[in-house]
């Protein structure tokens, strides 16, 4: 390198360093207090628990509805019940065979 290039490089690096220092001074980094983090964790736990209870209630309502429909169809319309059971079994066997063939093909 030529001496002129070193001088230019030195000036440029000083300008960059000064600019970065001004940028660092202009940005105020404020870390929240420990109490804020603790309260945030408590709020998140409450929200998670509330969501869990809501999803559990929806699951139970749907499960009871499905069981009611199955029992109704079993007692009132047994032919329809057994037909649906056969169709479901057919699809389960088909899905298992399809996934087994894919697994064998991949090696």
Protein backbone atom coordinates (compact mmCIF):
# COMPACT_ATOMS: atom_id res chain seq x y z
CA UNK A 1 0.00 0.00 0.00
CA UNK A 2 1.03 3.50 -0.61
CA UNK A 3 1.43 5.94 2.32
CA UNK A 4 -1.43 8.01 0.95
CA UNK A 5 -3.73 5.00 1.12
CA UNK A 6 -2.80 4.31 4.76
CA UNK A 7 -3.54 7.90 5.69
CA UNK A 8 -6.92 7.79 3.95
CA UNK A 9 -7.70 4.46 5.55
CA UNK A 10 -6.77 5.80 8.98
CA UNK A 11 -8.97 8.91 8.53
CA UNK A 12 -11.88 6.80 7.30
CA UNK A 13 -11.63 4.40 10.22
CA UNK A 14 -11.55 7.34 12.66
CA UNK A 15 -14.64 8.84 11.02
CA UNK A 16 -16.42 5.50 11.24
CA UNK A 17 -15.38 5.09 14.89
CA UNK A 18 -16.62 8.61 15.78
CA UNK A 19 -19.89 7.99 13.96
CA UNK A 20 -20.42 4.71 15.80
CA UNK A 21 -19.68 6.41 19.14
CA UNK A 22 -22.27 9.11 18.39
CA UNK A 23 -24.74 6.41 17.41
CA UNK A 24 -24.10 4.52 20.65
CA UNK A 25 -24.57 7.70 22.69
CA UNK A 26 -27.84 8.47 20.93
CA UNK A 27 -29.39 5.07 21.70
CA UNK A 28 -30.65 4.70 25.23
CA UNK A 29 -30.73 1.06 26.27
CA UNK A 30 -33.05 0.72 29.22
CA UNK A 31 -33.35 -2.74 30.76
CA UNK A 32 -36.67 -3.32 32.52
CA UNK A 33 -36.62 -4.03 36.22
CA UNK A 34 -36.73 -7.49 37.74
CA UNK A 35 -40.27 -6.81 38.98
CA UNK A 36 -41.42 -6.20 35.41
CA UNK A 37 -40.02 -9.56 34.31
CA UNK A 38 -41.61 -11.33 37.29
CA UNK A 39 -44.98 -9.73 36.55
CA UNK A 40 -44.63 -10.65 32.87
CA UNK A 41 -44.02 -14.29 33.82
CA UNK A 42 -47.04 -14.32 36.14
CA UNK A 43 -49.24 -12.81 33.41
CA UNK A 44 -48.02 -15.37 30.89
CA UNK A 45 -48.76 -18.24 33.28
CA UNK A 46 -52.28 -16.91 33.85
CA UNK A 47 -52.86 -16.58 30.09
CA UNK A 48 -51.56 -20.11 29.45
CA UNK A 49 -53.76 -21.57 32.17
CA UNK A 50 -56.82 -19.69 30.85
CA UNK A 51 -56.11 -20.95 27.32
CA UNK A 52 -55.65 -24.51 28.63
CA UNK A 53 -59.04 -24.47 30.40
CA UNK A 54 -60.74 -23.05 27.31
CA UNK A 55 -59.25 -25.72 25.04
CA UNK A 56 -60.11 -28.45 27.56
CA UNK A 57 -63.72 -27.26 27.74
CA UNK A 58 -64.00 -27.23 23.93
CA UNK A 59 -62.49 -30.73 23.76
CA UNK A 60 -64.88 -32.12 26.36
CA UNK A 61 -67.93 -30.58 24.71
CA UNK A 62 -66.93 -31.96 21.31
CA UNK A 63 -66.10 -35.38 22.76
CA UNK A 64 -69.46 -35.59 24.52
CA UNK A 65 -71.22 -34.54 21.33
CA UNK A 66 -69.42 -37.18 19.27
CA UNK A 67 -70.08 -39.90 21.85
CA UNK A 68 -73.75 -38.90 21.96
CA UNK A 69 -74.04 -39.13 18.18
CA UNK A 70 -72.29 -42.51 18.10
CA UNK A 71 -74.50 -43.95 20.82
CA UNK A 72 -77.62 -42.52 19.18
CA UNK A 73 -76.71 -44.01 15.83
CA UNK A 74 -75.83 -47.34 17.47
CA UNK A 75 -79.21 -47.63 19.18
CA UNK A 76 -81.49 -45.94 16.66
CA UNK A 77 -79.83 -46.78 13.35
CA UNK A 78 -77.48 -49.75 13.76
CA UNK A 79 -77.11 -50.31 10.00
CA UNK A 80 -75.83 -46.75 9.53
CA UNK A 81 -73.52 -47.16 12.54
CA UNK A 82 -71.92 -50.36 11.22
CA UNK A 83 -71.65 -48.88 7.73
CA UNK A 84 -69.75 -45.88 9.07
CA UNK A 85 -67.54 -48.20 11.14
CA UNK A 86 -66.71 -50.23 8.04
CA UNK A 87 -65.93 -47.15 5.97
CA UNK A 88 -63.69 -45.81 8.75
CA UNK A 89 -61.87 -49.14 8.99
CA UNK A 90 -61.40 -49.17 5.21
CA UNK A 91 -59.80 -45.70 5.28
CA UNK A 92 -57.54 -46.56 8.23
CA UNK A 93 -56.27 -49.72 6.51
CA UNK A 94 -55.77 -47.80 3.26
CA UNK A 95 -53.81 -45.06 5.00
CA UNK A 96 -51.60 -47.58 6.81
CA UNK A 97 -50.89 -49.45 3.60
CA UNK A 98 -50.08 -46.20 1.75
CA UNK A 99 -47.66 -45.04 4.46
CA UNK A 100 -46.06 -48.51 4.61
CA UNK A 101 -45.52 -48.52 0.83
CA UNK A 102 -43.91 -45.04 1.03
CA UNK A 103 -41.64 -46.24 3.85
CA UNK A 104 -40.58 -49.36 1.89
CA UNK A 105 -39.97 -47.31 -1.27
CA UNK A 106 -37.68 -44.88 0.58
CA UNK A 107 -35.65 -47.82 1.83
